[in-house]
């Protein structure tokens, strides 16, 4: 029952009671009883007071119940963090307050929902941006080249370990610092600033022109001194542009090309050396062929001499080409290696049988100290044979007439290797030239007149022993006292 109904009911009760009191007073007067006006007034006032108290109690209880309901609903909204509607009896007068309040809460709920939706979208974008940033940093950190990233204020915002090591700074203490205070290479700092400035110029031109801004990028060769050793880098500097075409920073990538330049120079030197080595026997062959064609060899003896020279130069040319091809195959990894169990002593003995005639011509004593070796090695028989033959032939060529060449084999069981040594009493090699004797086409000064050679024999031996068979090749020598070349290979277990 609403307050209005309750007040109306109370009014009816009050009128009824008043009518009853008037009827009571009239009846008493008709019957001859005296009714005091004061008594009647007190009666009416009492009835009015009682009725007023009743109305106030009813109204207060109704308001209290409604306010309690509203308060409870608001507390539930606060606990659940959800905005709803106040469910109050629509016939109650307090709906005049709850109605506008509900409309206000509806607006708030809609706005709160919109803000929540936008917040969720921003959180998703933030997570995506964070993941992309971590992915980008992981890529930058995994690059072996030095990478430095600066912003439009020339402050460092990212760098990898390679850049830290190259430039000697700590990224943690260098973030958001001007590159002047981080990088001590003035040339690189200037290049970064010039790249950024050129990006601004390009943006300004594009803004006032008809063309779109282009991606500013430059590649320059830059030399950096590393502990007294100059290193050459290809510095690639790129201007980073925002979607609006504004410069947001510069990315500098430094790729070390020192080794590449060395290899390029080595290739150039190799081609030059090969050309020279090929030209020498070809020139001799051509010269003697021309002399034969011109009839300068008038007798059989001279003709035979010319033929032998041509044959010898042709053999030399063939050996040179074969050695070059073998070295190239080994270095490129395409050589076919047939590994099989074999006896090093037996292979060396076969080599000495082939080299004996060469030693006999120069009256050189060829001594073998081939101890019975029961251990075997796993190797390519033909390659090991070629390596031993090259060492033995070199020892004979650079040993004067009447000298001695000793070839020995042994096993070091403690280290698990089979050892072969070739020792001669020849001219020896100076200490300043020892580090270069395994280089391609290198020949010891003073030995060129003593014997012909291509300068590839020892290079081939080194590749066979160390690159193909994981062995070790070494040399000891003393001028005019001879040399000892030795190699060791792992024995089979």
Protein backbone atom coordinates (compact mmCIF):
# COMPACT_ATOMS: atom_id res chain seq x y z
CA UNK A 1 0.00 0.00 0.00
CA UNK A 2 1.41 3.41 -0.99
CA UNK A 3 1.74 6.42 1.30
CA UNK A 4 -1.13 8.24 -0.44
CA UNK A 5 -3.46 5.31 0.11
CA UNK A 6 -2.38 5.07 3.72
CA UNK A 7 -2.97 8.81 4.28
CA UNK A 8 -6.39 8.55 2.58
CA UNK A 9 -7.31 5.60 4.76
CA UNK A 10 -6.22 7.54 7.86
CA UNK A 11 -8.38 10.51 6.78
CA UNK A 12 -11.40 8.22 6.42
CA UNK A 13 -10.70 6.81 9.87
CA UNK A 14 -10.36 10.35 11.28
CA UNK A 15 -13.66 11.49 9.73
CA UNK A 16 -15.34 8.33 10.97
CA UNK A 17 -14.04 8.87 14.45
CA UNK A 18 -15.12 12.57 14.35
CA UNK A 19 -18.56 11.57 13.14
CA UNK A 20 -18.76 8.94 15.84
CA UNK A 21 -17.76 11.51 18.47
CA UNK A 22 -20.38 13.99 17.16
CA UNK A 23 -23.05 11.29 17.14
CA UNK A 24 -22.02 10.26 20.63
CA UNK A 25 -22.27 13.88 21.88
CA UNK A 26 -25.64 14.45 20.22
CA UNK A 27 -27.08 11.23 21.64
CA UNK A 28 -25.89 12.10 25.09
CA UNK A 29 -27.48 15.56 24.82
CA UNK A 30 -30.82 14.18 23.65
CA UNK A 31 -30.92 11.80 26.59
CA UNK A 32 -30.37 14.63 28.96
CA UNK A 33 -26.71 14.10 29.70
CA UNK A 34 -24.38 17.06 29.80
CA UNK A 35 -21.42 16.87 27.50
CA UNK A 36 -18.58 19.22 28.29
CA UNK A 37 -17.07 21.02 25.34
CA UNK A 38 -13.59 20.66 26.82
CA UNK A 39 -13.99 16.91 27.05
CA UNK A 40 -15.14 16.74 23.47
CA UNK A 41 -12.25 18.87 22.30
CA UNK A 42 -9.73 16.70 24.12
CA UNK A 43 -11.27 13.66 22.53
CA UNK A 44 -10.98 15.11 19.03
CA UNK A 45 -7.40 16.33 19.60
CA UNK A 46 -6.42 12.92 20.89
CA UNK A 47 -7.88 11.27 17.87
CA UNK A 48 -6.05 13.72 15.55
CA UNK A 49 -2.73 13.20 17.36
CA UNK A 50 -3.08 9.46 17.24
CA UNK A 51 -3.92 9.54 13.58
CA UNK A 52 -0.97 11.89 12.83
CA UNK A 53 1.44 9.61 14.65
CA UNK A 54 0.07 6.67 12.71
CA UNK A 55 0.56 8.49 9.41
CA UNK A 56 4.13 9.54 10.33
CA UNK A 57 5.07 6.01 11.40
CA UNK A 58 3.65 4.53 8.22
CA UNK A 59 5.40 7.16 6.05
CA UNK A 60 8.75 6.72 7.85
CA UNK A 61 8.66 2.93 7.54
CA UNK A 62 7.88 3.21 3.83
CA UNK A 63 10.70 5.73 3.21
CA UNK A 64 13.13 3.71 5.31
CA UNK A 65 12.33 0.52 3.42
CA UNK A 66 12.77 2.27 0.05
CA UNK A 67 16.01 3.99 1.05
CA UNK A 68 17.35 0.69 2.42
CA UNK A 69 16.51 -1.02 -0.90
CA UNK A 70 18.27 1.70 -2.89
CA UNK A 71 21.30 1.57 -0.58
CA UNK A 72 21.49 -2.22 -0.84
CA UNK A 73 21.32 -2.12 -4.63
CA UNK A 74 24.04 0.59 -4.79
CA UNK A 75 26.31 -1.46 -2.49
CA UNK A 76 25.80 -4.54 -4.68
CA UNK A 77 26.74 -2.47 -7.74
CA UNK A 78 29.88 -1.30 -5.96
CA UNK A 79 30.83 -4.84 -4.91
CA UNK A 80 30.27 -6.28 -8.39
CA UNK A 81 31.66 -3.19 -10.11
CA UNK A 82 28.63 -3.25 -12.38
CA UNK A 83 26.21 -0.43 -12.94
CA UNK A 84 22.56 -1.52 -13.02
CA UNK A 85 19.07 -0.08 -12.42
CA UNK A 86 17.33 0.64 -9.10
CA UNK A 87 14.33 -1.75 -8.87
CA UNK A 88 11.74 0.19 -6.78
CA UNK A 89 7.96 -0.15 -6.80
CA UNK A 90 6.84 2.12 -9.62
CA UNK A 91 3.75 3.31 -7.73
CA UNK A 92 5.83 4.71 -4.88
CA UNK A 93 6.36 8.48 -4.76
CA UNK A 94 10.12 7.91 -4.46
CA UNK A 95 10.12 6.74 -8.08
CA UNK A 96 10.14 10.44 -8.89
CA UNK A 97 13.73 10.33 -7.61
CA UNK A 98 14.74 6.82 -8.71
CA UNK A 99 13.44 7.36 -12.25
CA UNK A 100 15.90 10.17 -13.14
CA UNK A 101 18.56 8.39 -11.10
CA UNK A 102 18.05 5.24 -13.18
CA UNK A 103 18.32 7.25 -16.37
CA UNK A 104 21.51 8.81 -15.06
CA UNK A 105 22.86 5.36 -14.13
CA UNK A 106 21.98 4.10 -17.61
CA UNK A 107 24.03 6.88 -19.19
CA UNK A 108 26.90 6.15 -16.84
CA UNK A 109 26.68 2.40 -17.60
CA UNK A 110 26.76 3.00 -21.34
CA UNK A 111 29.70 5.38 -21.01
CA UNK A 112 31.50 3.00 -18.66
CA UNK A 113 30.96 0.14 -21.13
CA UNK A 114 32.38 2.23 -23.95
CA UNK A 115 35.42 3.15 -21.85
CA UNK A 116 35.91 -0.51 -20.87
CA UNK A 117 35.77 -1.54 -24.53
CA UNK A 118 38.31 1.11 -25.49
CA UNK A 119 40.51 0.09 -22.57
CA UNK A 120 40.44 -3.57 -23.67
CA UNK A 121 41.35 -2.50 -27.20
CA UNK A 122 44.23 -0.39 -25.86
CA UNK A 123 45.43 -3.30 -23.71
CA UNK A 124 45.41 -5.62 -26.73
CA UNK A 125 47.29 -3.05 -28.81
CA UNK A 126 49.75 -2.55 -25.95
CA UNK A 127 50.40 -6.31 -25.71
CA UNK A 128 50.84 -6.54 -29.48
CA UNK A 129 53.22 -3.56 -29.46
CA UNK A 130 55.16 -5.06 -26.55
CA UNK A 131 55.44 -8.41 -28.32
CA UNK A 132 56.53 -6.73 -31.54
CA UNK A 133 59.11 -4.68 -29.64
CA UNK A 134 60.53 -7.79 -27.97
CA UNK A 135 60.56 -9.58 -31.33
CA UNK A 136 62.38 -6.67 -32.95
CA UNK A 137 64.90 -6.50 -30.10
CA UNK A 138 65.47 -10.25 -30.33
CA UNK A 139 66.18 -9.90 -34.05
CA UNK A 140 68.57 -6.99 -33.46
CA UNK A 141 70.36 -8.82 -30.64
CA UNK A 142 70.76 -11.95 -32.79
CA UNK A 143 72.50 -10.06 -35.62
CA UNK A 144 76.25 -10.59 -35.66
CA UNK A 145 76.81 -7.17 -37.23
CA UNK A 146 76.92 -4.11 -34.98
CA UNK A 147 73.52 -2.35 -34.91
CA UNK A 148 72.90 1.11 -33.42
CA UNK A 149 69.48 2.82 -33.37
CA UNK A 150 69.02 6.52 -32.55
CA UNK A 151 65.94 8.76 -32.32
CA UNK A 152 65.32 12.12 -33.96
CA UNK A 153 67.26 13.82 -31.16
CA UNK A 154 70.39 11.72 -31.90
CA UNK A 155 69.88 9.80 -28.65
CA UNK A 156 70.68 6.09 -28.51
CA UNK A 157 67.56 3.98 -28.00
CA UNK A 158 68.78 0.51 -28.98
CA UNK A 159 72.01 -1.39 -29.73
CA UNK A 160 73.14 -5.02 -29.72
CA UNK A 161 76.08 -6.77 -28.07
CA UNK A 162 78.21 -6.53 -31.20
CA UNK A 163 77.86 -2.73 -31.15
CA UNK A 164 78.66 -2.59 -27.43
CA UNK A 165 81.82 -4.62 -27.97
CA UNK A 166 82.88 -2.67 -31.06
CA UNK A 167 82.27 0.81 -29.65
CA UNK A 168 83.11 0.07 -26.03
CA UNK A 169 79.91 1.24 -24.30
CA UNK A 170 77.30 -0.28 -22.02
CA UNK A 171 73.77 -0.12 -23.42
CA UNK A 172 72.13 -0.07 -20.00
CA UNK A 173 73.96 3.13 -19.07
CA UNK A 174 73.79 4.66 -22.56
CA UNK A 175 70.05 4.63 -23.31
CA UNK A 176 68.53 8.04 -24.03
CA UNK A 177 71.97 9.65 -24.07
CA UNK A 178 73.28 11.68 -26.98
CA UNK A 179 75.58 9.67 -29.21
CA UNK A 180 78.30 12.28 -28.65
CA UNK A 181 78.64 10.96 -25.09
CA UNK A 182 78.38 7.27 -26.07
CA UNK A 183 80.27 6.81 -29.35
CA UNK A 184 83.81 8.13 -29.47
CA UNK A 185 84.16 7.59 -33.21
CA UNK A 186 83.60 11.11 -34.53
CA UNK A 187 83.23 9.97 -38.14
CA UNK A 188 80.41 7.54 -37.30
CA UNK A 189 78.63 10.21 -35.22
CA UNK A 190 78.87 12.60 -38.16
CA UNK A 191 77.50 9.97 -40.56
CA UNK A 192 74.50 9.31 -38.30
CA UNK A 193 73.70 13.01 -38.04
CA UNK A 194 74.10 13.56 -41.76
CA UNK A 195 71.73 10.68 -42.46
CA UNK A 196 69.11 12.15 -40.12
CA UNK A 197 69.53 15.62 -41.65
CA UNK A 198 69.22 14.27 -45.17
CA UNK A 199 66.01 12.54 -44.09
CA UNK A 200 64.60 15.85 -42.85
CA UNK A 201 65.59 17.51 -46.11
CA UNK A 202 63.91 14.78 -48.11
CA UNK A 203 60.75 15.09 -46.00
CA UNK A 204 60.66 18.86 -46.41
CA UNK A 205 61.13 18.60 -50.15
CA UNK A 206 58.40 15.99 -50.42
CA UNK A 207 56.02 18.13 -48.37
CA UNK A 208 56.33 21.06 -50.75
CA UNK A 209 56.71 19.01 -53.91
CA UNK A 210 54.60 16.54 -55.80
CA UNK A 211 56.65 13.44 -55.03
CA UNK A 212 56.41 11.22 -51.98
CA UNK A 213 59.20 11.04 -49.35
CA UNK A 214 61.74 8.38 -50.18
CA UNK A 215 63.51 6.01 -47.79
CA UNK A 216 66.90 7.60 -47.10
CA UNK A 217 69.73 5.05 -47.07
CA UNK A 218 73.47 5.24 -47.62
CA UNK A 219 76.33 2.73 -47.54
CA UNK A 220 79.86 3.91 -46.84
CA UNK A 221 83.13 2.16 -46.10
CA UNK A 222 84.43 3.05 -42.67
CA UNK A 223 87.63 2.02 -40.88
CA UNK A 224 87.68 1.53 -37.10
CA UNK A 225 90.85 1.02 -35.09
CA UNK A 226 90.48 -2.01 -32.80
CA UNK A 227 93.33 -2.30 -30.34
CA UNK A 228 95.84 -1.06 -32.88
CA UNK A 229 94.43 -3.24 -35.69
CA UNK A 230 92.41 -1.32 -38.31
CA UNK A 231 89.22 -3.07 -39.37
CA UNK A 232 87.14 -2.15 -42.39
CA UNK A 233 83.34 -1.97 -42.11
CA UNK A 234 80.51 -1.39 -44.56
CA UNK A 235 78.35 1.08 -42.65
CA UNK A 236 74.71 1.02 -43.80
CA UNK A 237 72.78 4.01 -42.43
CA UNK A 238 69.01 4.15 -42.92
CA UNK A 239 66.60 6.91 -41.98
CA UNK A 240 63.49 5.60 -40.18
CA UNK A 241 60.31 7.40 -41.27
CA UNK A 242 56.92 7.57 -39.56
CA UNK A 243 53.70 6.84 -41.52
CA UNK A 244 53.30 10.62 -41.80
CA UNK A 245 56.66 10.87 -43.55
CA UNK A 246 58.58 12.39 -40.64
CA UNK A 247 62.03 11.30 -39.50
CA UNK A 248 61.90 9.29 -36.27
CA UNK A 249 65.53 8.15 -36.11
CA UNK A 250 68.46 6.41 -37.78
CA UNK A 251 69.53 2.76 -37.91
CA UNK A 252 73.26 2.13 -38.42
CA UNK A 253 74.48 -1.38 -39.29
CA UNK A 254 78.24 -2.03 -39.40
CA UNK A 255 79.31 -5.16 -41.27
CA UNK A 256 82.94 -6.22 -40.85
CA UNK A 257 84.40 -6.73 -44.32
CA UNK A 258 88.05 -6.94 -43.23
CA UNK A 259 88.25 -10.67 -43.85
CA UNK A 260 86.30 -10.36 -47.08
CA UNK A 261 88.73 -7.76 -48.38
CA UNK A 262 91.64 -9.97 -47.35
CA UNK A 263 90.08 -12.94 -49.16
CA UNK A 264 89.45 -10.77 -52.20
CA UNK A 265 93.06 -9.68 -52.18
CA UNK A 266 94.16 -13.29 -51.73
CA UNK A 267 92.06 -14.30 -54.71
CA UNK A 268 93.62 -11.53 -56.76
CA UNK A 269 97.10 -12.60 -55.69
CA UNK A 270 96.24 -16.24 -56.36
CA UNK A 271 95.04 -15.51 -59.88
CA UNK A 272 98.14 -13.43 -60.48
CA UNK A 273 100.42 -16.17 -59.14
CA UNK A 274 98.65 -18.91 -61.11
CA UNK A 275 98.88 -16.84 -64.26
CA UNK A 276 102.60 -16.34 -63.69
CA UNK A 277 103.23 -20.00 -62.88
CA UNK A 278 101.28 -21.17 -65.92
CA UNK A 279 102.95 -18.63 -68.18
CA UNK A 280 106.48 -19.84 -67.34
CA UNK A 281 106.22 -23.45 -68.64
CA UNK A 282 103.98 -22.37 -71.50
CA UNK A 283 106.56 -19.79 -72.56
CA UNK A 284 109.29 -22.45 -72.52
CA UNK A 285 107.16 -24.90 -74.52
CA UNK A 286 106.25 -22.21 -77.03
CA UNK A 287 109.87 -21.07 -77.41
CA UNK A 288 111.25 -24.55 -78.04
CA UNK A 289 108.40 -25.42 -80.39
CA UNK A 290 109.15 -22.27 -82.39
CA UNK A 291 112.84 -23.18 -82.52
CA UNK A 292 111.93 -26.65 -83.80
CA UNK A 293 109.66 -25.13 -86.42
CA UNK A 294 112.37 -22.69 -87.46
CA UNK A 295 114.79 -25.59 -87.97
CA UNK A 296 117.28 -24.48 -85.31
CA UNK A 297 117.67 -28.11 -84.14
CA UNK A 298 119.70 -29.37 -87.04
CA UNK A 299 120.90 -32.63 -85.50
CA UNK A 300 119.16 -35.47 -83.73
CA UNK A 301 120.82 -34.76 -80.38
CA UNK A 302 119.56 -31.15 -80.31
CA UNK A 303 116.10 -32.20 -81.37
CA UNK A 304 115.99 -34.79 -78.58
CA UNK A 305 117.14 -32.17 -76.10
CA UNK A 306 114.40 -29.80 -77.22
CA UNK A 307 111.82 -32.60 -77.03
CA UNK A 308 112.90 -33.50 -73.49
CA UNK A 309 112.65 -29.86 -72.41
CA UNK A 310 109.18 -29.56 -73.90
CA UNK A 311 108.12 -32.85 -72.25
CA UNK A 312 109.56 -31.72 -68.91
CA UNK A 313 107.77 -28.35 -69.05
CA UNK A 314 104.54 -30.10 -70.08
CA UNK A 315 104.88 -32.42 -67.04
CA UNK A 316 105.55 -29.42 -64.85
CA UNK A 317 102.46 -27.70 -66.24
CA UNK A 318 100.41 -30.85 -65.68
CA UNK A 319 101.61 -31.15 -62.06
CA UNK A 320 100.86 -27.48 -61.47
CA UNK A 321 97.31 -27.78 -62.79
CA UNK A 322 96.74 -31.03 -60.88
CA UNK A 323 97.97 -29.49 -57.62
CA UNK A 324 95.79 -26.42 -58.12
CA UNK A 325 92.76 -28.60 -58.78
CA UNK A 326 93.47 -30.83 -55.77
CA UNK A 327 93.89 -27.85 -53.43
CA UNK A 328 90.73 -26.25 -54.82
CA UNK A 329 88.74 -29.47 -54.34
CA UNK A 330 89.94 -29.86 -50.75
CA UNK A 331 89.28 -26.21 -49.86
CA UNK A 332 85.78 -26.32 -51.38
CA UNK A 333 85.00 -29.66 -49.71
CA UNK A 334 84.13 -31.51 -52.91
CA UNK A 335 87.12 -33.86 -52.92
CA UNK A 336 86.18 -37.54 -52.74
CA UNK A 337 87.84 -39.14 -49.71
CA UNK A 338 87.96 -42.93 -49.43
CA UNK A 339 88.78 -43.70 -45.81
CA UNK A 340 89.89 -47.22 -45.01
CA UNK A 341 92.09 -48.97 -42.42
CA UNK A 342 95.69 -48.89 -43.58
CA UNK A 343 99.26 -49.29 -42.36
CA UNK A 344 101.25 -46.05 -42.43
CA UNK A 345 104.55 -47.97 -42.51
CA UNK A 346 103.52 -49.98 -45.57
CA UNK A 347 102.45 -46.84 -47.46
CA UNK A 348 105.73 -45.09 -46.63
CA UNK A 349 107.71 -48.13 -47.81
CA UNK A 350 105.93 -48.00 -51.19
CA UNK A 351 106.75 -44.28 -51.43
CA UNK A 352 110.46 -44.90 -50.81
CA UNK A 353 110.56 -47.45 -53.61
CA UNK A 354 109.29 -44.77 -56.01
CA UNK A 355 111.66 -42.05 -54.69
CA UNK A 356 114.79 -44.29 -54.71
CA UNK A 357 115.73 -43.59 -58.38
CA UNK A 358 115.55 -39.83 -57.77
CA UNK A 359 117.89 -40.17 -54.78
CA UNK A 360 120.27 -42.40 -56.71
CA UNK A 361 120.70 -39.81 -59.48
CA UNK A 362 121.97 -37.28 -56.90
CA UNK A 363 123.96 -39.88 -54.97
CA UNK A 364 121.82 -39.26 -51.90
CA UNK A 365 121.60 -41.93 -49.26
CA UNK A 366 117.97 -42.80 -48.57
CA UNK A 367 117.61 -44.30 -45.09
CA UNK A 368 114.40 -45.86 -43.82
CA UNK A 369 113.63 -46.44 -40.18
CA UNK A 370 110.26 -48.07 -40.55
CA UNK A 371 109.52 -49.92 -37.36
CA UNK A 372 106.84 -52.62 -37.53
CA UNK A 373 103.62 -50.84 -36.69
CA UNK A 374 100.69 -53.01 -35.68
CA UNK A 375 98.36 -50.07 -35.25
CA UNK A 376 96.42 -48.84 -38.23
CA UNK A 377 95.08 -45.46 -39.26
CA UNK A 378 91.84 -44.72 -41.07
CA UNK A 379 92.75 -42.61 -44.10
CA UNK A 380 92.67 -42.20 -47.86
CA UNK A 381 95.60 -44.34 -49.04
CA UNK A 382 96.27 -42.35 -52.24
CA UNK A 383 96.29 -39.01 -50.43
CA UNK A 384 98.68 -40.17 -47.71
CA UNK A 385 100.90 -41.69 -50.40
CA UNK A 386 100.94 -38.34 -52.24
CA UNK A 387 101.75 -36.40 -49.04
CA UNK A 388 104.70 -38.67 -48.13
CA UNK A 389 105.98 -38.60 -51.73
CA UNK A 390 105.87 -34.77 -51.82
CA UNK A 391 107.84 -34.51 -48.55
CA UNK A 392 110.39 -37.09 -49.65
CA UNK A 393 110.83 -35.55 -53.13
CA UNK A 394 111.30 -32.09 -51.58
CA UNK A 395 113.95 -33.44 -49.20
CA UNK A 396 115.87 -35.02 -52.10
CA UNK A 397 115.58 -31.89 -54.30
CA UNK A 398 116.93 -29.52 -51.64
CA UNK A 399 119.69 -31.80 -50.37
CA UNK A 400 123.10 -31.40 -52.04
CA UNK A 401 124.76 -34.31 -53.81
CA UNK A 402 126.07 -36.91 -51.36
CA UNK A 403 123.63 -35.93 -48.62
CA UNK A 404 121.26 -38.06 -46.58
CA UNK A 405 117.48 -38.29 -46.35
CA UNK A 406 115.96 -40.30 -43.51
CA UNK A 407 112.31 -41.40 -43.42
CA UNK A 408 110.94 -42.93 -40.22
CA UNK A 409 107.63 -44.05 -38.75
CA UNK A 410 106.61 -44.60 -35.14
CA UNK A 411 103.60 -44.73 -32.83
CA UNK A 412 102.94 -42.63 -29.74
CA UNK A 413 100.47 -44.84 -27.86
CA UNK A 414 100.10 -42.33 -25.04
CA UNK A 415 98.74 -39.68 -27.42
CA UNK A 416 97.17 -42.23 -29.77
CA UNK A 417 98.90 -41.08 -32.98
CA UNK A 418 101.05 -42.56 -35.74
CA UNK A 419 104.03 -40.36 -36.68
CA UNK A 420 105.99 -40.03 -39.91
CA UNK A 421 109.20 -37.94 -40.12
CA UNK A 422 111.26 -36.93 -43.16
CA UNK A 423 114.69 -35.54 -42.23
CA UNK A 424 117.34 -34.26 -44.66
CA UNK A 425 120.82 -32.76 -44.51
CA UNK A 426 119.95 -30.11 -47.07
CA UNK A 427 120.13 -26.32 -47.26
CA UNK A 428 117.53 -25.73 -44.57
CA UNK A 429 115.05 -22.88 -44.18
CA UNK A 430 115.61 -19.57 -42.41
CA UNK A 431 113.53 -18.80 -39.31
CA UNK A 432 111.99 -15.74 -40.96
CA UNK A 433 110.68 -17.86 -43.85
CA UNK A 434 109.38 -20.85 -41.88
CA UNK A 435 105.92 -19.29 -41.18
CA UNK A 436 105.28 -18.90 -44.94
CA UNK A 437 106.42 -22.19 -46.44
CA UNK A 438 102.90 -23.66 -46.47
CA UNK A 439 101.44 -20.65 -48.33
CA UNK A 440 100.36 -21.07 -51.92
CA UNK A 441 103.13 -20.45 -54.47
CA UNK A 442 105.61 -19.49 -51.76
CA UNK A 443 109.19 -20.52 -52.44
CA UNK A 444 112.17 -19.90 -50.19
CA UNK A 445 114.50 -17.26 -51.51
CA UNK A 446 117.66 -18.89 -52.79
CA UNK A 447 115.99 -22.26 -53.46
CA UNK A 448 114.55 -21.29 -56.85
CA UNK A 449 117.86 -21.84 -58.61
CA UNK A 450 118.53 -25.11 -56.81
CA UNK A 451 115.40 -26.90 -58.00
CA UNK A 452 112.28 -26.21 -59.97
CA UNK A 453 108.93 -26.12 -58.22
CA UNK A 454 105.46 -24.62 -58.18
CA UNK A 455 105.20 -23.64 -54.53
CA UNK A 456 102.09 -25.78 -54.13
CA UNK A 457 103.51 -29.10 -52.89
CA UNK A 458 103.69 -28.21 -49.20
CA UNK A 459 100.31 -26.44 -49.37
CA UNK A 460 98.77 -29.64 -50.70
CA UNK A 461 100.46 -31.74 -47.99
CA UNK A 462 99.09 -29.42 -45.28
CA UNK A 463 95.56 -29.69 -46.68
CA UNK A 464 95.78 -33.49 -46.92
CA UNK A 465 97.08 -33.98 -43.38
CA UNK A 466 95.18 -31.29 -41.48
CA UNK A 467 92.04 -30.44 -43.47
CA UNK A 468 91.13 -33.92 -44.73
CA UNK A 469 92.51 -36.23 -42.01
CA UNK A 470 92.42 -33.99 -38.90
CA UNK A 471 96.14 -34.57 -38.35
CA UNK A 472 99.00 -32.24 -37.54
CA UNK A 473 101.90 -31.12 -39.77
CA UNK A 474 105.01 -29.43 -38.37
CA UNK A 475 108.52 -28.47 -39.47
CA UNK A 476 111.83 -27.67 -37.80
CA UNK A 477 114.76 -26.35 -39.82
CA UNK A 478 118.09 -24.62 -39.60
CA UNK A 479 119.94 -22.97 -42.45
CA UNK A 480 122.68 -25.19 -43.95
CA UNK A 481 121.87 -27.98 -41.47
CA UNK A 482 118.73 -29.47 -42.97
CA UNK A 483 115.04 -29.75 -42.16
CA UNK A 484 112.65 -32.19 -40.54
CA UNK A 485 109.03 -32.40 -41.69
CA UNK A 486 106.75 -34.56 -39.58
CA UNK A 487 103.08 -35.35 -39.46
CA UNK A 488 100.91 -37.35 -37.12
CA UNK A 489 97.55 -39.01 -37.67
CA UNK A 490 95.11 -40.56 -35.15
CA UNK A 491 95.38 -44.35 -34.87
CA UNK A 492 92.34 -46.57 -34.87
CA UNK A 493 91.18 -47.82 -31.49
